[in-house]
Amino acid sequence: MIELEADRADKVLVIHARGKLTREDYRDILAPQVRSLLDRSGTLRVMFVMDDSFEGWTLGAAWENTLFDLKHRRDLEKVAMVGAPRWEEWCVNVAAALLMKGQLATFSLDQRPEAWKWLCA
């Protein structure tokens, strides 16, 4: 399940990931919000927060995530991944190197304030 916060700053989107993410989370929740924010600001900064209940992605969600990254590779200035398990940090860094033009950093859950500072700097 994805829950979104977009009211902190015009160019910042906070994504809370809980449980197992599905294709519908990307198509029905994330994509429309990103389109709306990009229409207003042109580029985005994203904080992707995975809390302790995060179980990963379904295969369909993983595919939607890849398509999302490809489509928005030039739209994302910075992405802060917060709470990712160690193995996922590695995967995220490899994927970002291939799919993103912006900056990416990973943080533990207790480093969320630092992630916010980095994202807004």
Protein backbone atom coordinates (compact mmCIF):
# COMPACT_ATOMS: atom_id res chain seq x y z
CA MET A 1 0.00 0.00 0.00
CA ILE A 2 1.20 3.48 -0.85
CA GLU A 3 0.21 6.61 1.04
CA LEU A 4 1.31 10.02 -0.22
CA GLU A 5 2.13 13.36 1.37
CA ALA A 6 2.56 16.27 -1.01
CA ASP A 7 1.76 19.29 1.09
CA ARG A 8 5.16 19.98 2.71
CA ALA A 9 6.72 21.71 -0.27
CA ASP A 10 5.58 22.14 -3.84
CA LYS A 11 8.38 20.04 -5.35
CA VAL A 12 8.55 17.33 -2.67
CA LEU A 13 6.53 14.13 -2.59
CA VAL A 14 6.73 11.79 0.41
CA ILE A 15 5.72 8.20 -0.32
CA HIS A 16 4.98 5.82 2.57
CA ALA A 17 5.22 2.16 1.57
CA ARG A 18 3.53 -0.41 3.79
CA GLY A 19 2.79 -4.07 3.24
CA LYS A 20 3.30 -5.31 -0.31
CA LEU A 21 3.13 -2.77 -3.14
CA THR A 22 0.95 -3.64 -6.12
CA ARG A 23 0.64 -2.53 -9.72
CA GLU A 24 -2.53 -0.66 -8.72
CA ASP A 25 -0.59 1.35 -6.12
CA TYR A 26 1.54 2.75 -8.93
CA ARG A 27 -1.19 3.18 -11.56
CA ASP A 28 -4.03 4.43 -9.36
CA ILE A 29 -2.25 6.34 -6.59
CA LEU A 30 1.34 7.27 -7.41
CA ALA A 31 1.19 8.06 -11.15
CA PRO A 32 -1.74 10.54 -10.97
CA GLN A 33 -0.17 12.42 -8.06
CA VAL A 34 3.22 12.62 -9.77
CA ARG A 35 1.60 13.92 -12.97
CA SER A 36 -0.23 16.59 -11.00
CA LEU A 37 2.89 17.72 -9.15
CA LEU A 38 5.02 17.72 -12.30
CA ASP A 39 2.42 19.86 -14.06
CA ARG A 40 2.86 22.45 -11.29
CA SER A 41 6.59 22.32 -10.63
CA GLY A 42 8.34 20.67 -13.59
CA THR A 43 10.58 18.46 -11.44
CA LEU A 44 10.23 16.57 -8.16
CA ARG A 45 12.14 15.51 -5.12
CA VAL A 46 10.92 12.25 -3.60
CA MET A 47 11.26 10.66 -0.17
CA PHE A 48 10.34 6.97 -0.32
CA VAL A 49 9.78 5.71 3.25
CA MET A 50 9.64 1.97 3.87
CA ASP A 51 8.48 1.31 7.42
CA ASP A 52 8.87 -1.97 9.31
CA SER A 53 5.69 -3.39 7.77
CA PHE A 54 7.03 -3.03 4.20
CA GLU A 55 7.08 -6.44 2.47
CA GLY A 56 8.35 -5.50 -0.99
CA TRP A 57 6.74 -5.44 -4.41
CA THR A 58 4.56 -7.80 -6.39
CA LEU A 59 5.99 -8.64 -9.80
CA GLY A 60 3.48 -6.26 -11.40
CA ALA A 61 4.50 -3.47 -9.04
CA ALA A 62 8.20 -4.06 -9.76
CA TRP A 63 7.44 -3.70 -13.47
CA GLU A 64 5.38 -0.54 -12.91
CA ASN A 65 8.23 0.86 -10.79
CA THR A 66 10.71 0.24 -13.62
CA LEU A 67 8.40 1.92 -16.14
CA PHE A 68 7.88 4.82 -13.72
CA ASP A 69 11.65 5.26 -13.32
CA LEU A 70 12.21 5.22 -17.07
CA LYS A 71 9.39 7.67 -17.78
CA HIS A 72 10.46 10.10 -15.06
CA ARG A 73 14.24 9.69 -15.22
CA ARG A 74 14.71 13.41 -15.95
CA ASP A 75 11.87 14.61 -13.71
CA LEU A 76 13.33 13.50 -10.37
CA GLU A 77 15.97 15.86 -8.98
CA LYS A 78 16.61 13.86 -5.82
CA VAL A 79 15.30 10.63 -4.32
CA ALA A 80 15.81 9.72 -0.65
CA MET A 81 15.17 6.04 0.10
CA VAL A 82 14.44 5.75 3.82
CA GLY A 83 14.33 2.43 5.66
CA ALA A 84 15.49 0.18 2.83
CA PRO A 85 17.02 -3.14 3.89
CA ARG A 86 20.72 -3.46 3.02
CA TRP A 87 20.14 -5.75 0.00
CA GLU A 88 17.54 -3.33 -1.33
CA GLU A 89 19.92 -0.37 -0.97
CA TRP A 90 22.29 -2.16 -3.33
CA CYS A 91 19.52 -2.89 -5.85
CA VAL A 92 18.25 0.68 -5.66
CA ASN A 93 21.71 2.14 -6.24
CA VAL A 94 22.33 -0.09 -9.27
CA ALA A 95 18.91 0.70 -10.76
CA ALA A 96 19.34 4.42 -10.11
CA ALA A 97 22.69 4.45 -11.87
CA LEU A 98 21.03 2.95 -14.93
CA LEU A 99 17.63 4.68 -14.85
CA MET A 100 17.95 8.06 -13.10
CA LYS A 101 19.55 11.36 -13.98
CA GLY A 102 19.02 12.88 -10.52
CA GLN A 103 20.70 12.16 -7.19
CA LEU A 104 19.82 9.23 -4.96
CA ALA A 105 20.72 8.59 -1.32
CA THR A 106 19.69 5.88 1.14
CA PHE A 107 18.97 6.42 4.84
CA SER A 108 17.89 4.25 7.76
CA LEU A 109 14.48 4.92 9.34
CA ASP A 110 16.09 6.75 12.26
CA GLN A 111 17.87 9.05 9.78
CA ARG A 112 14.63 10.43 8.37
CA PRO A 113 15.36 14.01 9.58
CA GLU A 114 18.74 13.88 7.81
CA ALA A 115 17.04 12.53 4.69
CA TRP A 116 14.63 15.47 4.75
CA LYS A 117 17.50 17.97 5.09
CA TRP A 118 19.37 16.34 2.20
CA LEU A 119 16.25 16.30 0.05
CA CYS A 120 15.50 19.98 0.63
CA ALA A 121 19.10 21.23 0.26
